Amino acid sequence: MSTATAKCSASPATTESCAQCSLSSYCAHPGHAASGSSPAHGGHTLGAGEHLYWHHDPMQAFYAIRSGCVKSYVIDADGTERVRGFLHRGDLIGLDALNASHAQSSVQALVDTEICEVPRHAIQRPSPTQSELQINLVQALSQALDRAYTQAGDYSAEQRIARFLLEISSHSDDPDQLELHMGRRDIANYLRLVTETVSRTLTRFQNRGLITVNRRRVTLLQRPALMRMAGLELPLAKPHAVVSFAA
């Protein structure tokens, strides 16, 4: 399969979204800025539904999300789509290919998404001045492993959905107005549930006073209770997050 077209777009040298990006130390390095190779000097824009790359495509670069949201997925031997994760602003795309030459999944934009690109060699053979980049990559990998272990465990639907809502709420500067770009079918796929189970569980949460659901918006009312249900000891974000469900 061929990599989907990503439209190049001029970008400001820095934005607020850059501050939380794991590649910021690379972009800010004077050598990269001077050479024009820094992602901060330009990005790619993916329209909703477009693919950044496909499973098994050659991996020549890694990417960071400046805005928007993408879905990582594979098609199994039976032809069934398996969602591997959702990536948001500040997340890195392609970490699963660090030890491979080809993409380990397909990556599709769920909404209009702006990304920055870093050549593969810049991450795999960083200079001594890029120790911060290495530290950030290790942290990003650790977070990705934590999410993977959580979903791989023998957890109930309530535990999975509580953890998912809290995880998504941690990606927003304003957790009171958090937009969830993926539909419930994709959420169910990612959590290894069925769509009806996701809907029923959200309804139970509302009946128990943990959340309120108003069309596309879900307000988290009882964060401590959701944290206990999810098996978390510390909050992932500020209280009272509001989640908007895409159609």
Protein backbone atom coordinates (compact mmCIF):
# COMPACT_ATOMS: atom_id res chain seq x y z
CA MET A 1 0.00 0.00 0.00
CA SER A 2 1.15 3.53 -0.61
CA THR A 3 1.44 6.18 2.04
CA ALA A 4 -1.46 8.60 1.93
CA THR A 5 -0.76 12.14 0.90
CA ALA A 6 0.05 14.53 3.72
CA LYS A 7 -0.18 18.15 2.71
CA CYS A 8 2.79 20.29 3.70
CA SER A 9 1.87 23.47 5.49
CA ALA A 10 3.85 26.33 6.86
CA SER A 11 3.88 26.42 10.64
CA PRO A 12 4.94 28.97 13.21
CA ALA A 13 8.36 28.39 14.73
CA THR A 14 6.79 27.56 18.05
CA THR A 15 3.31 27.04 19.38
CA GLU A 16 1.80 26.26 22.75
CA SER A 17 1.41 22.65 21.64
CA CYS A 18 5.18 22.35 21.18
CA ALA A 19 5.77 22.79 24.91
CA GLN A 20 4.36 19.33 25.73
CA CYS A 21 5.91 17.53 22.76
CA SER A 22 8.61 14.90 23.29
CA LEU A 23 10.44 16.19 20.19
CA SER A 24 10.68 19.79 21.39
CA SER A 25 14.32 19.39 22.40
CA TYR A 26 15.15 18.28 18.86
CA CYS A 27 13.30 21.17 17.24
CA ALA A 28 14.86 23.72 19.56
CA HIS A 29 18.41 22.56 18.86
CA PRO A 30 20.23 25.42 17.04
CA GLY A 31 21.83 23.06 14.52
CA HIS A 32 18.50 21.73 13.34
CA ALA A 33 16.83 25.12 13.27
CA ALA A 34 19.68 26.58 11.24
CA SER A 35 19.63 23.76 8.72
CA GLY A 36 15.89 24.09 8.21
CA SER A 37 15.41 20.45 9.08
CA SER A 38 13.54 21.17 12.28
CA PRO A 39 9.88 20.16 12.23
CA ALA A 40 9.10 23.57 13.73
CA HIS A 41 9.76 25.09 10.30
CA GLY A 42 7.01 23.12 8.65
CA GLY A 43 4.57 20.34 9.19
CA HIS A 44 2.14 18.02 7.51
CA THR A 45 -1.60 18.37 7.64
CA LEU A 46 -3.78 15.29 7.39
CA GLY A 47 -7.45 15.68 6.64
CA ALA A 48 -9.96 13.64 8.62
CA GLY A 49 -9.90 10.09 7.29
CA GLU A 50 -6.49 10.38 5.63
CA HIS A 51 -3.67 7.98 6.46
CA LEU A 52 -0.22 9.08 7.51
CA TYR A 53 1.10 5.66 6.58
CA TRP A 54 -0.07 2.08 6.23
CA HIS A 55 0.91 -1.11 8.00
CA HIS A 56 4.19 -2.46 6.56
CA ASP A 57 5.13 0.80 4.81
CA PRO A 58 8.86 1.66 5.10
CA MET A 59 9.45 3.91 8.13
CA GLN A 60 11.73 6.81 7.23
CA ALA A 61 10.64 9.16 10.01
CA PHE A 62 8.81 9.53 13.28
CA TYR A 63 6.11 12.09 13.95
CA ALA A 64 4.67 14.25 16.71
CA ILE A 65 1.12 15.54 16.84
CA ARG A 66 0.76 19.33 17.09
CA SER A 67 -3.03 19.28 16.95
CA GLY A 68 -5.79 16.78 16.25
CA CYS A 69 -6.05 13.06 16.88
CA VAL A 70 -5.06 9.88 15.03
CA LYS A 71 -5.97 6.21 15.32
CA SER A 72 -3.42 3.41 15.14
CA TYR A 73 -4.78 0.06 13.97
CA VAL A 74 -4.02 -3.21 12.21
CA ILE A 75 -6.12 -5.61 10.15
CA ASP A 76 -5.87 -9.15 11.47
CA ALA A 77 -5.77 -12.38 9.48
CA ASP A 78 -9.58 -12.52 9.44
CA GLY A 79 -9.83 -9.05 7.93
CA THR A 80 -11.03 -7.48 11.19
CA GLU A 81 -9.81 -4.04 12.24
CA ARG A 82 -8.07 -3.96 15.62
CA VAL A 83 -7.60 -0.50 17.13
CA ARG A 84 -4.25 -0.30 18.92
CA GLY A 85 -4.57 3.20 20.30
CA PHE A 86 -5.48 6.85 19.95
CA LEU A 87 -2.80 9.53 19.84
CA HIS A 88 -3.35 13.19 20.68
CA ARG A 89 -1.49 16.48 20.78
CA GLY A 90 2.06 16.02 22.04
CA ASP A 91 2.07 12.25 21.42
CA LEU A 92 4.65 10.54 19.22
CA ILE A 93 3.67 8.42 16.23
CA GLY A 94 5.78 5.44 15.23
CA LEU A 95 7.24 4.34 18.55
CA ASP A 96 6.20 0.76 17.78
CA ALA A 97 8.63 0.83 14.82
CA LEU A 98 11.73 1.90 16.75
CA ASN A 99 13.19 -1.58 16.36
CA ALA A 100 11.81 -2.25 12.87
CA SER A 101 12.25 -0.86 9.38
CA HIS A 102 8.56 -0.99 8.49
CA ALA A 103 5.42 0.41 10.09
CA GLN A 104 3.85 -1.92 12.63
CA SER A 105 0.38 -0.46 12.19
CA SER A 106 -1.65 1.90 10.00
CA VAL A 107 -2.19 5.45 11.24
CA GLN A 108 -5.33 7.40 10.26
CA ALA A 109 -6.41 10.93 11.20
CA LEU A 110 -9.77 11.05 12.96
CA VAL A 111 -10.01 14.83 12.52
CA ASP A 112 -7.86 17.39 10.70
CA THR A 113 -4.47 16.80 12.27
CA GLU A 114 -1.16 18.66 12.09
CA ILE A 115 2.03 16.72 12.65
CA CYS A 116 5.76 17.37 12.74
CA GLU A 117 8.29 15.00 11.21
CA VAL A 118 11.73 13.98 12.43
CA PRO A 119 14.04 11.78 10.32
CA ARG A 120 14.49 8.30 11.70
CA HIS A 121 18.25 8.68 12.09
CA ALA A 122 17.81 11.74 14.33
CA ILE A 123 16.10 9.61 16.97
CA GLN A 124 18.07 6.41 16.54
CA ARG A 125 21.49 8.12 16.50
CA PRO A 126 21.07 11.32 18.50
CA SER A 127 24.02 13.59 19.23
CA PRO A 128 25.42 14.01 22.77
CA THR A 129 23.53 17.32 22.99
CA GLN A 130 20.22 15.51 22.65
CA SER A 131 20.11 13.66 25.96
CA GLU A 132 16.81 15.39 26.75
CA LEU A 133 15.33 13.87 23.61
CA GLN A 134 16.42 10.42 24.72
CA ILE A 135 14.88 10.92 28.16
CA ASN A 136 11.61 12.11 26.62
CA LEU A 137 11.48 9.10 24.31
CA VAL A 138 11.98 6.72 27.23
CA GLN A 139 9.16 8.45 29.10
CA ALA A 140 6.89 8.22 26.05
CA LEU A 141 7.66 4.53 25.68
CA SER A 142 6.98 3.96 29.37
CA GLN A 143 3.57 5.62 29.10
CA ALA A 144 2.74 3.57 26.00
CA LEU A 145 3.67 0.36 27.81
CA ASP A 146 1.53 1.33 30.80
CA ARG A 147 -1.49 1.82 28.53
CA ALA A 148 -0.81 -1.49 26.78
CA TYR A 149 -0.51 -3.40 30.05
CA THR A 150 -3.73 -1.84 31.31
CA GLN A 151 -5.71 -2.94 28.28
CA ALA A 152 -4.10 -6.40 28.24
CA GLY A 153 -5.17 -7.20 31.79
CA ASP A 154 -8.26 -9.16 32.81
CA TYR A 155 -10.31 -6.08 33.65
CA SER A 156 -14.06 -5.56 33.69
CA ALA A 157 -15.82 -3.25 31.26
CA GLU A 158 -16.32 -0.68 34.03
CA GLN A 159 -12.63 -0.71 34.89
CA ARG A 160 -11.60 -0.31 31.27
CA ILE A 161 -14.01 2.53 30.53
CA ALA A 162 -13.20 4.39 33.76
CA ARG A 163 -9.50 4.21 32.97
CA PHE A 164 -10.13 5.27 29.38
CA LEU A 165 -12.11 8.37 30.40
CA LEU A 166 -9.44 9.40 32.88
CA GLU A 167 -6.67 8.78 30.36
CA ILE A 168 -8.37 10.89 27.70
CA SER A 169 -8.99 13.69 30.19
CA SER A 170 -5.24 13.97 30.79
CA HIS A 171 -4.59 15.17 27.23
CA SER A 172 -6.33 18.52 27.51
CA ASP A 173 -5.15 21.86 28.89
CA ASP A 174 -8.77 22.46 29.83
CA PRO A 175 -10.16 19.11 31.01
CA ASP A 176 -13.53 20.75 31.56
CA GLN A 177 -13.95 20.86 27.79
CA LEU A 178 -12.32 17.71 26.45
CA GLU A 179 -13.37 16.58 22.99
CA LEU A 180 -13.26 12.89 22.19
CA HIS A 181 -12.68 12.61 18.46
CA MET A 182 -13.29 8.88 18.09
CA GLY A 183 -16.69 7.27 17.91
CA ARG A 184 -17.99 4.71 20.39
CA ARG A 185 -17.38 1.87 17.95
CA ASP A 186 -13.66 2.70 17.85
CA ILE A 187 -13.62 3.07 21.64
CA ALA A 188 -15.19 -0.37 22.01
CA ASN A 189 -12.70 -1.84 19.54
CA TYR A 190 -9.77 -0.34 21.42
CA LEU A 191 -11.06 -1.52 24.80
CA ARG A 192 -11.88 -5.00 23.39
CA LEU A 193 -15.55 -4.57 24.16
CA VAL A 194 -18.68 -4.34 22.05
CA THR A 195 -20.30 -1.00 21.27
CA GLU A 196 -23.43 -1.82 23.25
CA THR A 197 -21.33 -2.55 26.34
CA VAL A 198 -19.71 0.87 26.13
CA SER A 199 -23.11 2.56 25.89
CA ARG A 200 -24.61 0.50 28.72
CA THR A 201 -21.62 1.14 30.98
CA LEU A 202 -21.78 4.88 30.42
CA THR A 203 -25.49 4.75 31.29
CA ARG A 204 -24.70 2.86 34.52
CA PHE A 205 -22.05 5.43 35.40
CA GLN A 206 -24.66 8.18 34.95
CA ASN A 207 -27.28 6.37 37.03
CA ARG A 208 -24.73 6.03 39.84
CA GLY A 209 -23.90 9.74 39.73
CA LEU A 210 -20.34 9.25 38.44
CA ILE A 211 -20.93 11.13 35.21
CA THR A 212 -23.63 12.95 33.29
CA VAL A 213 -24.22 12.32 29.61
CA ASN A 214 -25.70 15.04 27.41
CA ARG A 215 -25.62 13.97 23.78
CA ARG A 216 -21.91 14.14 22.81
CA ARG A 217 -20.71 15.41 26.17
CA VAL A 218 -19.81 13.38 29.24
CA THR A 219 -19.03 15.22 32.47
CA LEU A 220 -16.94 13.42 35.08
CA LEU A 221 -18.58 14.19 38.44
CA GLN A 222 -16.92 11.71 40.79
CA ARG A 223 -13.27 11.52 39.77
CA PRO A 224 -12.07 9.80 43.00
CA ALA A 225 -14.64 7.03 42.55
CA LEU A 226 -13.65 6.57 38.90
CA MET A 227 -9.98 6.46 39.92
CA ARG A 228 -10.66 3.76 42.49
CA MET A 229 -12.63 1.82 39.93
CA ALA A 230 -9.76 2.14 37.44
CA GLY A 231 -7.17 1.13 40.04
CA LEU A 232 -5.39 4.50 39.97
CA GLU A 233 -3.80 6.17 42.97
CA LEU A 234 -3.16 9.63 41.53
CA PRO A 235 -5.32 11.85 39.31
CA LEU A 236 -4.51 11.96 35.61
CA ALA A 237 -5.92 15.47 35.24
CA LYS A 238 -7.90 18.17 37.03
CA PRO A 239 -11.40 17.34 38.30
CA HIS A 240 -14.63 17.75 36.36
CA ALA A 241 -13.45 16.80 32.86
CA VAL A 242 -16.00 17.04 30.09
CA VAL A 243 -15.76 14.60 27.21
CA SER A 244 -17.49 15.23 23.87
CA PHE A 245 -18.28 12.18 21.77
CA ALA A 246 -17.89 12.40 18.00
CA ALA A 247 -20.80 11.26 15.87
